[in-house]
C-alpha atoms as a PDB file:
ATOM      1  CA  MET A   1      12.746   0.543   3.799  1.00  0.00           C
ATOM      2  CA  VAL A   2      12.380   4.232   4.659  1.00  0.00           C
ATOM      3  CA  VAL A   3       8.941   5.260   5.878  1.00  0.00           C
ATOM      4  CA  ASN A   4       9.465   8.969   5.330  1.00  0.00           C
ATOM      5  CA  LYS A   5      12.167  11.582   5.472  1.00  0.00           C
ATOM      6  CA  MET A   6      12.604  15.302   5.180  1.00  0.00           C
ATOM      7  CA  THR A   7      14.343  16.135   1.930  1.00  0.00           C
ATOM      8  CA  ASP A   8      16.512  18.893   0.584  1.00  0.00           C
ATOM      9  CA  PRO A   9      14.326  20.577  -2.069  1.00  0.00           C
ATOM     10  CA  GLN A  10      17.475  21.268  -4.101  1.00  0.00           C
ATOM     11  CA  GLU A  11      18.390  17.583  -4.299  1.00  0.00           C
ATOM     12  CA  MET A  12      17.979  16.347  -7.847  1.00  0.00           C
ATOM     13  CA  TYR A  13      16.828  12.831  -8.755  1.00  0.00           C
ATOM     14  CA  ASP A  14      17.144  11.235 -12.165  1.00  0.00           C
ATOM     15  CA  ILE A  15      13.801   9.543 -11.721  1.00  0.00           C
ATOM     16  CA  VAL A  16      10.863   9.544  -9.308  1.00  0.00           C
ATOM     17  CA  ILE A  17       8.617   6.481  -9.502  1.00  0.00           C
ATOM     18  CA  ILE A  18       5.118   7.098  -8.170  1.00  0.00           C
ATOM     19  CA  GLY A  19       3.317   3.938  -7.071  1.00  0.00           C
ATOM     20  CA  GLY A  20       4.132   1.113  -4.672  1.00  0.00           C
ATOM     21  CA  GLY A  21       2.731  -1.877  -6.568  1.00  0.00           C
ATOM     22  CA  VAL A  22       4.734  -4.490  -8.451  1.00  0.00           C
ATOM     23  CA  THR A  23       4.974  -2.239 -11.522  1.00  0.00           C
ATOM     24  CA  GLY A  24       6.605   0.544  -9.514  1.00  0.00           C
ATOM     25  CA  LEU A  25       8.775  -1.894  -7.562  1.00  0.00           C
ATOM     26  CA  ALA A  26      10.079  -3.482 -10.751  1.00  0.00           C
ATOM     27  CA  ALA A  27      10.828  -0.011 -12.088  1.00  0.00           C
ATOM     28  CA  ALA A  28      12.706   0.776  -8.863  1.00  0.00           C
ATOM     29  CA  MET A  29      14.736  -2.406  -9.194  1.00  0.00           C
ATOM     30  CA  TYR A  30      15.726  -1.568 -12.741  1.00  0.00           C
ATOM     31  CA  ALA A  31      16.477   2.051 -11.896  1.00  0.00           C
ATOM     32  CA  GLY A  32      18.967   0.739  -9.359  1.00  0.00           C
ATOM     33  CA  ARG A  33      20.561  -1.519 -11.948  1.00  0.00           C
ATOM     34  CA  MET A  34      20.865   1.424 -14.333  1.00  0.00           C
ATOM     35  CA  LYS A  35      22.665   3.436 -11.610  1.00  0.00           C
ATOM     36  CA  LEU A  36      20.052   6.171 -11.715  1.00  0.00           C
ATOM     37  CA  LYS A  37      19.572   8.391  -8.684  1.00  0.00           C
ATOM     38  CA  SER A  38      16.060   7.224  -8.025  1.00  0.00           C
ATOM     39  CA  ILE A  39      13.285   7.078  -5.480  1.00  0.00           C
ATOM     40  CA  LEU A  40       9.987   5.208  -5.321  1.00  0.00           C
ATOM     41  CA  ILE A  41       7.111   6.829  -3.442  1.00  0.00           C
ATOM     42  CA  GLY A  42       4.040   4.686  -2.885  1.00  0.00           C
ATOM     43  CA  TYR A  43       1.497   3.366  -0.457  1.00  0.00           C
ATOM     44  CA  PRO A  44       0.232   0.798   0.430  1.00  0.00           C
ATOM     45  CA  PRO A  45       3.309  -1.425   0.026  1.00  0.00           C
ATOM     46  CA  GLY A  46       2.820  -3.957  -2.734  1.00  0.00           C
ATOM     47  CA  GLY A  47      -0.296  -2.264  -4.089  1.00  0.00           C
ATOM     48  CA  VAL A  48      -3.605  -3.975  -4.752  1.00  0.00           C
ATOM     49  CA  ILE A  49      -1.989  -7.236  -5.826  1.00  0.00           C
ATOM     50  CA  ALA A  50      -0.756  -7.755  -2.266  1.00  0.00           C
ATOM     51  CA  THR A  51      -4.391  -8.488  -1.351  1.00  0.00           C
ATOM     52  CA  THR A  52      -4.630 -11.299  -3.923  1.00  0.00           C
ATOM     53  CA  ASP A  53      -4.816 -14.820  -2.508  1.00  0.00           C
ATOM     54  CA  TRP A  54      -2.957 -16.587  -5.263  1.00  0.00           C
ATOM     55  CA  ILE A  55      -1.218 -15.896  -8.590  1.00  0.00           C
ATOM     56  CA  GLU A  56      -0.696 -18.694 -11.076  1.00  0.00           C
ATOM     57  CA  ASN A  57       0.186 -16.819 -14.259  1.00  0.00           C
ATOM     58  CA  TYR A  58       3.451 -15.097 -13.339  1.00  0.00           C
ATOM     59  CA  PRO A  59       6.335 -16.842 -15.161  1.00  0.00           C
ATOM     60  CA  GLY A  60       8.761 -18.631 -12.887  1.00  0.00           C
ATOM     61  CA  PHE A  61       6.265 -19.240 -10.080  1.00  0.00           C
ATOM     62  CA  ILE A  62       3.681 -21.981 -10.435  1.00  0.00           C
ATOM     63  CA  SER A  63       1.668 -20.523  -7.574  1.00  0.00           C
ATOM     64  CA  LEU A  64       2.254 -17.843  -4.953  1.00  0.00           C
ATOM     65  CA  SER A  65       0.270 -15.161  -3.184  1.00  0.00           C
ATOM     66  CA  GLY A  66       0.195 -11.562  -4.341  1.00  0.00           C
ATOM     67  CA  LYS A  67       1.962 -10.499  -1.168  1.00  0.00           C
ATOM     68  CA  GLU A  68       4.737 -13.034  -1.769  1.00  0.00           C
ATOM     69  CA  LEU A  69       5.264 -11.711  -5.298  1.00  0.00           C
ATOM     70  CA  ALA A  70       5.337  -8.099  -4.093  1.00  0.00           C
ATOM     71  CA  ASP A  71       7.764  -9.027  -1.300  1.00  0.00           C
ATOM     72  CA  LYS A  72      10.098 -10.772  -3.726  1.00  0.00           C
ATOM     73  CA  ILE A  73      10.221  -7.812  -6.115  1.00  0.00           C
ATOM     74  CA  THR A  74      10.672  -5.436  -3.169  1.00  0.00           C
ATOM     75  CA  ALA A  75      13.619  -7.505  -1.916  1.00  0.00           C
ATOM     76  CA  HIS A  76      15.117  -7.419  -5.415  1.00  0.00           C
ATOM     77  CA  ALA A  77      14.745  -3.632  -5.575  1.00  0.00           C
ATOM     78  CA  ARG A  78      16.437  -3.281  -2.187  1.00  0.00           C
ATOM     79  CA  GLU A  79      19.539  -4.969  -3.574  1.00  0.00           C
ATOM     80  CA  TYR A  80      20.289  -1.719  -5.407  1.00  0.00           C
ATOM     81  CA  ASP A  81      20.780   1.879  -4.370  1.00  0.00           C
ATOM     82  CA  THR A  82      17.154   2.945  -4.797  1.00  0.00           C
ATOM     83  CA  GLU A  83      15.179   4.718  -2.089  1.00  0.00           C
ATOM     84  CA  ILE A  84      11.707   3.384  -1.267  1.00  0.00           C
ATOM     85  CA  ILE A  85       9.366   5.600   0.724  1.00  0.00           C
ATOM     86  CA  LEU A  86       5.972   4.564   2.085  1.00  0.00           C
ATOM     87  CA  ASP A  87       3.990   7.702   1.403  1.00  0.00           C
ATOM     88  CA  ASN A  88       1.542   9.242  -1.040  1.00  0.00           C
ATOM     89  CA  VAL A  89       2.383  11.912  -3.570  1.00  0.00           C
ATOM     90  CA  THR A  90      -0.165  14.689  -3.137  1.00  0.00           C
ATOM     91  CA  LYS A  91       0.897  17.052  -5.913  1.00  0.00           C
ATOM     92  CA  VAL A  92       3.256  17.221  -8.887  1.00  0.00           C
ATOM     93  CA  GLU A  93       4.545  20.303 -10.694  1.00  0.00           C
ATOM     94  CA  HIS A  94       6.501  20.996 -13.867  1.00  0.00           C
ATOM     95  CA  GLN A  95       9.171  23.676 -13.332  1.00  0.00           C
ATOM     96  CA  ASN A  96      12.149  24.668 -15.475  1.00  0.00           C
ATOM     97  CA  ASN A  97      12.161  21.420 -17.463  1.00  0.00           C
ATOM     98  CA  CYS A  98      12.124  19.425 -14.230  1.00  0.00           C
ATOM     99  CA  PHE A  99       9.365  17.993 -12.079  1.00  0.00           C
ATOM    100  CA  ILE A 100       8.615  18.262  -8.362  1.00  0.00           C
ATOM    101  CA  ALA A 101       6.687  15.590  -6.483  1.00  0.00           C
ATOM    102  CA  TYR A 102       5.263  16.621  -3.114  1.00  0.00           C
ATOM    103  CA  THR A 103       4.319  14.465  -0.135  1.00  0.00           C
ATOM    104  CA  ALA A 104       3.330  15.327   3.426  1.00  0.00           C
ATOM    105  CA  PHE A 105       6.983  14.928   4.450  1.00  0.00           C
ATOM    106  CA  GLY A 106       8.949  16.541   1.671  1.00  0.00           C
ATOM    107  CA  GLN A 107       9.417  17.365  -1.964  1.00  0.00           C
ATOM    108  CA  TYR A 108      11.446  15.604  -4.611  1.00  0.00           C
ATOM    109  CA  THR A 109      12.884  17.341  -7.672  1.00  0.00           C
ATOM    110  CA  THR A 110      13.501  15.054 -10.615  1.00  0.00           C
ATOM    111  CA  LYS A 111      14.417  14.970 -14.281  1.00  0.00           C
ATOM    112  CA  THR A 112      11.823  12.285 -15.086  1.00  0.00           C
ATOM    113  CA  ILE A 113       8.709  10.706 -13.594  1.00  0.00           C
ATOM    114  CA  VAL A 114       7.216   7.243 -14.011  1.00  0.00           C
ATOM    115  CA  PHE A 115       3.546   7.026 -13.101  1.00  0.00           C
ATOM    116  CA  ALA A 116       2.855   3.510 -11.823  1.00  0.00           C
ATOM    117  CA  THR A 117      -0.132   4.575  -9.750  1.00  0.00           C
ATOM    118  CA  GLY A 118      -2.359   1.661 -10.761  1.00  0.00           C
ATOM    119  CA  SER A 119      -6.096   1.679 -10.239  1.00  0.00           C
ATOM    120  CA  GLN A 120      -8.756   1.580  -7.554  1.00  0.00           C
ATOM    121  CA  TYR A 121     -11.827  -0.602  -7.137  1.00  0.00           C
ATOM    122  CA  ARG A 122     -14.855   0.639  -9.060  1.00  0.00           C
ATOM    123  CA  LYS A 123     -17.871   1.132  -6.800  1.00  0.00           C
ATOM    124  CA  LEU A 124     -21.465   0.116  -7.379  1.00  0.00           C
ATOM    125  CA  ASP A 125     -23.815   3.069  -7.783  1.00  0.00           C
ATOM    126  CA  VAL A 126     -27.042   1.745  -6.271  1.00  0.00           C
ATOM    127  CA  PRO A 127     -28.943   2.618  -3.075  1.00  0.00           C
ATOM    128  CA  GLY A 128     -27.311   1.069  -0.024  1.00  0.00           C
ATOM    129  CA  ALA A 129     -23.884   0.522  -1.592  1.00  0.00           C
ATOM    130  CA  ALA A 130     -22.304   3.587  -0.002  1.00  0.00           C
ATOM    131  CA  GLU A 131     -24.259   3.224   3.228  1.00  0.00           C
ATOM    132  CA  TYR A 132     -23.006  -0.317   3.862  1.00  0.00           C
ATOM    133  CA  GLU A 133     -19.473   0.106   2.505  1.00  0.00           C
ATOM    134  CA  GLY A 134     -17.139  -1.544   4.976  1.00  0.00           C
ATOM    135  CA  LYS A 135     -20.170  -2.891   6.831  1.00  0.00           C
ATOM    136  CA  GLY A 136     -21.013  -5.745   4.499  1.00  0.00           C
ATOM    137  CA  VAL A 137     -20.238  -4.143   1.137  1.00  0.00           C
ATOM    138  CA  GLN A 138     -16.627  -5.143   0.568  1.00  0.00           C
ATOM    139  CA  PHE A 139     -14.026  -5.237  -2.213  1.00  0.00           C
ATOM    140  CA  CYS A 140     -11.423  -7.764  -1.055  1.00  0.00           C
ATOM    141  CA  GLY A 141     -12.331 -11.370  -0.384  1.00  0.00           C
ATOM    142  CA  LEU A 142      -8.907 -12.248   0.943  1.00  0.00           C
ATOM    143  CA  CYS A 143      -8.983  -9.317   3.373  1.00  0.00           C
ATOM    144  CA  ASP A 144     -12.539  -9.670   4.611  1.00  0.00           C
ATOM    145  CA  GLY A 145     -13.668 -13.206   3.812  1.00  0.00           C
ATOM    146  CA  PRO A 146     -13.044 -14.595   7.329  1.00  0.00           C
ATOM    147  CA  LEU A 147     -15.626 -12.116   8.654  1.00  0.00           C
ATOM    148  CA  PHE A 148     -18.335 -13.956   6.721  1.00  0.00           C
ATOM    149  CA  GLN A 149     -17.944 -17.477   8.047  1.00  0.00           C
ATOM    150  CA  ASP A 150     -21.009 -19.598   7.116  1.00  0.00           C
ATOM    151  CA  LYS A 151     -22.775 -16.587   5.560  1.00  0.00           C
ATOM    152  CA  THR A 152     -24.590 -16.278   2.233  1.00  0.00           C
ATOM    153  CA  LEU A 153     -22.845 -13.771  -0.024  1.00  0.00           C
ATOM    154  CA  ALA A 154     -23.287 -12.043  -3.367  1.00  0.00           C
ATOM    155  CA  VAL A 155     -20.370 -11.295  -5.668  1.00  0.00           C
ATOM    156  CA  ILE A 156     -21.265  -8.682  -8.265  1.00  0.00           C
ATOM    157  CA  GLY A 157     -19.274  -8.803 -11.495  1.00  0.00           C
ATOM    158  CA  GLY A 158     -18.883 -10.758 -14.693  1.00  0.00           C
ATOM    159  CA  GLY A 159     -15.133 -11.091 -15.179  1.00  0.00           C
ATOM    160  CA  ASP A 160     -12.175 -13.038 -13.890  1.00  0.00           C
ATOM    161  CA  SER A 161     -11.928 -10.920 -10.745  1.00  0.00           C
ATOM    162  CA  ALA A 162     -15.478 -11.939  -9.800  1.00  0.00           C
ATOM    163  CA  ALA A 163     -14.597 -15.597 -10.301  1.00  0.00           C
ATOM    164  CA  LYS A 164     -11.505 -15.253  -8.121  1.00  0.00           C
ATOM    165  CA  GLU A 165     -13.428 -13.430  -5.393  1.00  0.00           C
ATOM    166  CA  ALA A 166     -16.061 -16.151  -5.290  1.00  0.00           C
ATOM    167  CA  LEU A 167     -13.437 -18.887  -5.123  1.00  0.00           C
ATOM    168  CA  ILE A 168     -11.610 -17.137  -2.305  1.00  0.00           C
ATOM    169  CA  LEU A 169     -14.819 -16.526  -0.383  1.00  0.00           C
ATOM    170  CA  SER A 170     -15.859 -20.158  -0.741  1.00  0.00           C
ATOM    171  CA  GLN A 171     -13.252 -20.968   1.910  1.00  0.00           C
ATOM    172  CA  TRP A 172     -15.550 -19.359   4.504  1.00  0.00           C
ATOM    173  CA  ALA A 173     -19.014 -18.692   3.090  1.00  0.00           C
ATOM    174  CA  LYS A 174     -21.887 -21.135   3.162  1.00  0.00           C
ATOM    175  CA  GLU A 175     -23.247 -20.057  -0.204  1.00  0.00           C
ATOM    176  CA  ILE A 176     -22.196 -17.563  -2.901  1.00  0.00           C
ATOM    177  CA  TYR A 177     -24.157 -16.030  -5.774  1.00  0.00           C
ATOM    178  CA  ILE A 178     -22.223 -14.439  -8.648  1.00  0.00           C
ATOM    179  CA  ILE A 179     -24.558 -11.838 -10.152  1.00  0.00           C
ATOM    180  CA  ILE A 180     -23.611 -11.184 -13.770  1.00  0.00           C
ATOM    181  CA  ARG A 181     -24.950  -8.387 -15.937  1.00  0.00           C
ATOM    182  CA  GLY A 182     -24.124 -10.262 -19.149  1.00  0.00           C
ATOM    183  CA  GLU A 183     -24.980 -13.708 -20.429  1.00  0.00           C
ATOM    184  CA  ARG A 184     -22.012 -15.545 -18.940  1.00  0.00           C
ATOM    185  CA  LEU A 185     -19.027 -15.274 -16.638  1.00  0.00           C
ATOM    186  CA  LYS A 186     -16.015 -14.129 -18.669  1.00  0.00           C
ATOM    187  CA  ALA A 187     -13.265 -15.666 -16.558  1.00  0.00           C
ATOM    188  CA  GLU A 188     -10.014 -17.384 -17.431  1.00  0.00           C
ATOM    189  CA  PRO A 189     -10.839 -20.976 -18.432  1.00  0.00           C
ATOM    190  CA  VAL A 190      -9.108 -22.480 -15.390  1.00  0.00           C
ATOM    191  CA  ASN A 191     -11.015 -20.212 -12.991  1.00  0.00           C
ATOM    192  CA  LEU A 192     -14.301 -20.757 -14.820  1.00  0.00           C
ATOM    193  CA  GLU A 193     -13.823 -24.504 -14.445  1.00  0.00           C
ATOM    194  CA  ARG A 194     -13.136 -24.094 -10.732  1.00  0.00           C
ATOM    195  CA  VAL A 195     -16.273 -21.997 -10.294  1.00  0.00           C
ATOM    196  CA  ASN A 196     -18.391 -24.540 -12.154  1.00  0.00           C
ATOM    197  CA  ASN A 197     -17.010 -27.341  -9.993  1.00  0.00           C
ATOM    198  CA  ASN A 198     -17.567 -25.519  -6.700  1.00  0.00           C
ATOM    199  CA  ASN A 199     -20.852 -26.608  -5.140  1.00  0.00           C
ATOM    200  CA  LYS A 200     -21.025 -23.452  -2.998  1.00  0.00           C
ATOM    201  CA  ILE A 201     -21.183 -21.119  -6.003  1.00  0.00           C
ATOM    202  CA  ARG A 202     -24.234 -20.324  -8.140  1.00  0.00           C
ATOM    203  CA  MET A 203     -24.418 -17.901 -11.045  1.00  0.00           C
ATOM    204  CA  ILE A 204     -27.265 -15.514 -11.816  1.00  0.00           C
ATOM    205  CA  SER A 205     -26.832 -14.114 -15.338  1.00  0.00           C
ATOM    206  CA  GLU A 206     -28.371 -11.178 -17.219  1.00  0.00           C
ATOM    207  CA  THR A 207     -29.298  -9.574 -13.914  1.00  0.00           C
ATOM    208  CA  ASN A 208     -28.469  -6.317 -12.139  1.00  0.00           C
ATOM    209  CA  VAL A 209     -28.551  -5.450  -8.464  1.00  0.00           C
ATOM    210  CA  THR A 210     -30.786  -2.420  -8.018  1.00  0.00           C
ATOM    211  CA  SER A 211     -30.491  -1.964  -4.247  1.00  0.00           C
ATOM    212  CA  ILE A 212     -28.738  -3.281  -1.147  1.00  0.00           C
ATOM    213  CA  GLU A 213     -30.986  -3.380   1.909  1.00  0.00           C
ATOM    214  CA  GLY A 214     -30.959  -4.277   5.589  1.00  0.00           C
ATOM    215  CA  SER A 215     -31.073  -2.763   9.039  1.00  0.00           C
ATOM    216  CA  GLU A 216     -27.845  -2.785  11.080  1.00  0.00           C
ATOM    217  CA  HIS A 217     -26.416  -5.333   8.652  1.00  0.00           C
ATOM    218  CA  ILE A 218     -27.089  -6.314   5.044  1.00  0.00           C
ATOM    219  CA  GLU A 219     -30.081  -8.624   4.728  1.00  0.00           C
ATOM    220  CA  ARG A 220     -30.793  -8.765   1.000  1.00  0.00           C
ATOM    221  CA  VAL A 221     -30.163  -7.378  -2.469  1.00  0.00           C
ATOM    222  CA  LEU A 222     -32.924  -6.441  -4.894  1.00  0.00           C
ATOM    223  CA  LEU A 223     -32.658  -7.714  -8.466  1.00  0.00           C
ATOM    224  CA  ASP A 224     -34.056  -6.199 -11.653  1.00  0.00           C
ATOM    225  CA  LYS A 225     -35.480  -9.570 -12.684  1.00  0.00           C
ATOM    226  CA  PRO A 226     -36.730 -12.500 -10.607  1.00  0.00           C
ATOM    227  CA  TYR A 227     -34.414 -15.305  -9.556  1.00  0.00           C
ATOM    228  CA  GLN A 228     -36.343 -18.456  -8.769  1.00  0.00           C
ATOM    229  CA  GLY A 229     -39.508 -16.370  -8.720  1.00  0.00           C
ATOM    230  CA  ASN A 230     -38.290 -13.641  -6.364  1.00  0.00           C
ATOM    231  CA  ASN A 231     -36.661 -10.232  -6.905  1.00  0.00           C
ATOM    232  CA  GLU A 232     -35.245 -10.320  -3.375  1.00  0.00           C
ATOM    233  CA  LEU A 233     -32.097 -12.367  -2.762  1.00  0.00           C
ATOM    234  CA  PRO A 234     -31.271 -12.924   0.934  1.00  0.00           C
ATOM    235  CA  VAL A 235     -27.536 -12.305   1.571  1.00  0.00           C
ATOM    236  CA  GLN A 236     -25.422 -11.117   4.488  1.00  0.00           C
ATOM    237  CA  GLY A 237     -22.589  -9.619   2.468  1.00  0.00           C
ATOM    238  CA  VAL A 238     -21.883  -8.142  -0.973  1.00  0.00           C
ATOM    239  CA  PHE A 239     -18.482  -8.173  -2.650  1.00  0.00           C
ATOM    240  CA  ILE A 240     -18.046  -5.773  -5.581  1.00  0.00           C
ATOM    241  CA  ALA A 241     -15.878  -6.995  -8.468  1.00  0.00           C
ATOM    242  CA  ILE A 242     -16.867  -4.778 -11.398  1.00  0.00           C
ATOM    243  CA  GLY A 243     -13.433  -3.633 -12.457  1.00  0.00           C
ATOM    244  CA  SER A 244     -11.297  -0.679 -11.533  1.00  0.00           C
ATOM    245  CA  SER A 245     -10.659   2.964 -12.362  1.00  0.00           C
ATOM    246  CA  PRO A 246      -7.171   4.304 -13.187  1.00  0.00           C
ATOM    247  CA  LEU A 247      -5.495   6.567 -10.633  1.00  0.00           C
ATOM    248  CA  SER A 248      -4.398   9.162 -13.149  1.00  0.00           C
ATOM    249  CA  ASP A 249      -5.446  12.455 -11.525  1.00  0.00           C
ATOM    250  CA  LEU A 250      -1.874  13.422 -10.579  1.00  0.00           C
ATOM    251  CA  ALA A 251      -0.722  12.926 -14.146  1.00  0.00           C
ATOM    252  CA  LYS A 252      -3.637  14.931 -15.508  1.00  0.00           C
ATOM    253  CA  THR A 253      -2.576  17.961 -13.476  1.00  0.00           C
ATOM    254  CA  LEU A 254       0.641  18.013 -15.516  1.00  0.00           C
ATOM    255  CA  GLY A 255      -1.265  17.914 -18.798  1.00  0.00           C
ATOM    256  CA  VAL A 256      -0.667  14.232 -19.464  1.00  0.00           C
ATOM    257  CA  LYS A 257      -3.233  12.994 -21.975  1.00  0.00           C
ATOM    258  CA  THR A 258      -5.714  10.283 -21.027  1.00  0.00           C
ATOM    259  CA  ASN A 259      -8.378   8.380 -22.923  1.00  0.00           C
ATOM    260  CA  PRO A 260     -12.126   8.567 -22.153  1.00  0.00           C
ATOM    261  CA  LYS A 261     -11.638   5.925 -19.429  1.00  0.00           C
ATOM    262  CA  GLY A 262      -9.079   8.124 -17.699  1.00  0.00           C
ATOM    263  CA  GLU A 263      -6.180   5.819 -18.612  1.00  0.00           C
ATOM    264  CA  ILE A 264      -2.839   7.461 -19.428  1.00  0.00           C
ATOM    265  CA  ILE A 265      -2.091   7.200 -23.139  1.00  0.00           C
ATOM    266  CA  ILE A 266       1.371   5.731 -23.816  1.00  0.00           C
ATOM    267  CA  ASN A 267       3.239   4.523 -26.865  1.00  0.00           C
ATOM    268  CA  ARG A 268       5.269   1.314 -27.131  1.00  0.00           C
ATOM    269  CA  GLN A 269       8.137   3.026 -25.279  1.00  0.00           C
ATOM    270  CA  THR A 270       5.780   3.932 -22.364  1.00  0.00           C
ATOM    271  CA  GLU A 271       6.177   7.608 -23.280  1.00  0.00           C
ATOM    272  CA  THR A 272       3.342  10.055 -22.657  1.00  0.00           C
ATOM    273  CA  ASN A 273       2.700  13.282 -24.558  1.00  0.00           C
ATOM    274  CA  ILE A 274       5.091  15.148 -22.208  1.00  0.00           C
ATOM    275  CA  ASN A 275       8.847  14.675 -22.482  1.00  0.00           C
ATOM    276  CA  GLY A 276      10.297  13.085 -19.370  1.00  0.00           C
ATOM    277  CA  ILE A 277       7.017  11.577 -18.185  1.00  0.00           C
ATOM    278  CA  TYR A 278       6.373   7.848 -18.550  1.00  0.00           C
ATOM    279  CA  ALA A 279       3.619   5.557 -17.343  1.00  0.00           C
ATOM    280  CA  ALA A 280       3.286   1.837 -16.794  1.00  0.00           C
ATOM    281  CA  GLY A 281       0.853  -0.765 -15.519  1.00  0.00           C
ATOM    282  CA  ASP A 282      -2.854  -0.542 -14.772  1.00  0.00           C
ATOM    283  CA  VAL A 283      -2.966   3.258 -14.996  1.00  0.00           C
ATOM    284  CA  THR A 284      -2.204   3.135 -18.728  1.00  0.00           C
ATOM    285  CA  ASP A 285      -4.320   2.448 -21.813  1.00  0.00           C
ATOM    286  CA  THR A 286      -2.713  -0.957 -22.344  1.00  0.00           C
ATOM    287  CA  GLU A 287      -5.570  -3.344 -23.092  1.00  0.00           C
ATOM    288  CA  PHE A 288      -4.223  -6.476 -21.363  1.00  0.00           C
ATOM    289  CA  LYS A 289      -3.488  -5.643 -17.730  1.00  0.00           C
ATOM    290  CA  GLN A 290      -1.579  -8.250 -15.736  1.00  0.00           C
ATOM    291  CA  ALA A 291       1.192  -8.156 -13.157  1.00  0.00           C
ATOM    292  CA  ILE A 292       3.679  -9.451 -15.715  1.00  0.00           C
ATOM    293  CA  THR A 293       2.774  -6.820 -18.339  1.00  0.00           C
ATOM    294  CA  GLY A 294       2.895  -4.036 -15.746  1.00  0.00           C
ATOM    295  CA  VAL A 295       6.318  -5.172 -14.544  1.00  0.00           C
ATOM    296  CA  ALA A 296       7.585  -5.236 -18.130  1.00  0.00           C
ATOM    297  CA  GLU A 297       6.248  -1.732 -18.789  1.00  0.00           C
ATOM    298  CA  GLY A 298       7.838  -0.464 -15.575  1.00  0.00           C
ATOM    299  CA  VAL A 299      11.237  -1.773 -16.645  1.00  0.00           C
ATOM    300  CA  LEU A 300      10.835  -0.310 -20.136  1.00  0.00           C
ATOM    301  CA  ALA A 301       9.822   3.061 -18.694  1.00  0.00           C
ATOM    302  CA  VAL A 302      13.002   3.199 -16.621  1.00  0.00           C
ATOM    303  CA  TYR A 303      15.134   2.292 -19.618  1.00  0.00           C
ATOM    304  CA  GLU A 304      13.560   5.109 -21.631  1.00  0.00           C
ATOM    305  CA  ALA A 305      14.082   7.501 -18.700  1.00  0.00           C
ATOM    306  CA  TYR A 306      17.705   6.366 -18.496  1.00  0.00           C
ATOM    307  CA  LYS A 307      18.260   7.342 -22.121  1.00  0.00           C
ATOM    308  CA  TYR A 308      16.388  10.606 -21.611  1.00  0.00           C
ATOM    309  CA  VAL A 309      18.640  11.773 -18.777  1.00  0.00           C
ATOM    310  CA  GLY A 310      21.759  11.118 -20.814  1.00  0.00           C
ATOM    311  CA  GLY A 311      22.540   7.450 -20.446  1.00  0.00           C
ATOM    312  CA  GLU A 312      23.868   5.630 -23.492  1.00  0.00           C
ATOM    313  CA  SER A 313      21.726   3.009 -25.171  1.00  0.00           C
ATOM    314  CA  VAL A 314      22.378  -0.425 -23.760  1.00  0.00           C
ATOM    315  CA  CYS A 315      23.417  -2.992 -26.323  1.00  0.00           C
ATOM    316  CA  THR A 316      20.851  -5.752 -26.339  1.00  0.00           C
ATOM    317  CA  CYS A 317      21.572  -7.312 -29.727  1.00  0.00           C
ATOM    318  CA  VAL A 318      23.209 -10.674 -30.248  1.00  0.00           C
ATOM    319  CA  ASP A 319      24.109 -10.555 -33.918  1.00  0.00           C
ATOM    320  CA  THR A 320      26.691 -12.829 -35.453  1.00  0.00           C
ATOM    321  CA  ASP A 321      27.884 -10.177 -37.878  1.00  0.00           C
ATOM    322  CA  TYR A 322      28.017  -7.521 -35.102  1.00  0.00           C
ATOM    323  CA  ILE A 323      26.106  -4.981 -37.158  1.00  0.00           C
ATOM    324  CA  ASP A 324      25.123  -2.017 -34.982  1.00  0.00           C
ATOM    325  CA  CYS A 325      26.392  -3.811 -31.918  1.00  0.00           C
ATOM    326  CA  PRO A 326      29.272  -2.153 -30.037  1.00  0.00           C
ATOM    327  CA  VAL A 327      30.363  -5.387 -28.373  1.00  0.00           C
ATOM    328  CA  SER A 328      30.529  -8.957 -29.557  1.00  0.00           C
ATOM    329  CA  PRO A 329      27.930 -11.528 -28.478  1.00  0.00           C
ATOM    330  CA  GLU A 330      30.635 -13.242 -26.403  1.00  0.00           C
ATOM    331  CA  ASP A 331      31.438 -10.014 -24.547  1.00  0.00           C
ATOM    332  CA  LEU A 332      27.734  -9.307 -24.037  1.00  0.00           C
ATOM    333  CA  ARG A 333      27.137 -12.737 -22.541  1.00  0.00           C
ATOM    334  CA  SER A 334      30.091 -12.390 -20.195  1.00  0.00           C
ATOM    335  CA  GLN A 335      28.888  -8.946 -19.050  1.00  0.00           C
ATOM    336  CA  SER A 336      25.461 -10.311 -18.186  1.00  0.00           C
ATOM    337  CA  LYS A 337      26.805 -13.062 -15.913  1.00  0.00           C
END
């Protein structure tokens, strides 16, 4: 894998993929298969999913870590002639029907762009949250859980990510409170069952954290309603799991349309409102965001880019009467082996 390189600004790529998560990596793999002159630019390697302890809903793997999944897709992408650069794109421009992506180490001129920039953790806007960020206010249980051995922790959030964080943290923590704004924890049934069966985890529903307090370290959170008769909950760490915000600012500078949440608006072909620009994964307005759906969108985006730059449509039909199919099903099957 190339860390960085100085580039010839006149060099033309068929496709630049922005984003180093599994969506971008899958797009890079497929771009290589389609023989496109392509480059992926992204950091950190593997994206947010690489910090996930386990994945049990990716077809073909009963259970594996997020890092293992990212490594496998990276290895697959490396099998083809696709460049992968660990860097961040700082600016994109639209010039003469082409696009230019800039990094600290070079610029990359391309016919098409796929935005697979993903999302970032949403932060809690209460007193103390910013002050203690990285000093007890954390976002990744897998990354930081070992620092809280035998501590009492709060996980703030009401979805599946909050359930997963609490389960991960239960490997180290003495006690964990999931503080839920709504009436119940809206987690996948299997994770909800695991939470309910974990004697380290307690749930506090219909409650908001109004402040995070302490001295050198976090000592408590304040609640907007009493829990067991007290608005103060003693904790030594707070993990925020209240969703994420799309990283779409680069796309917006090109005039790519987004919805009120800031998600890039795409159609079923992953096309945006600008010809030659595609988007896939968590940065888009797709309602159901999973690694598998992001990977699928990344592959589809590359296929659409392939057609856009002049590639012929790939025959994917298997029709016994061969209507609209340039090769027979037998030939198609032999080609795919």
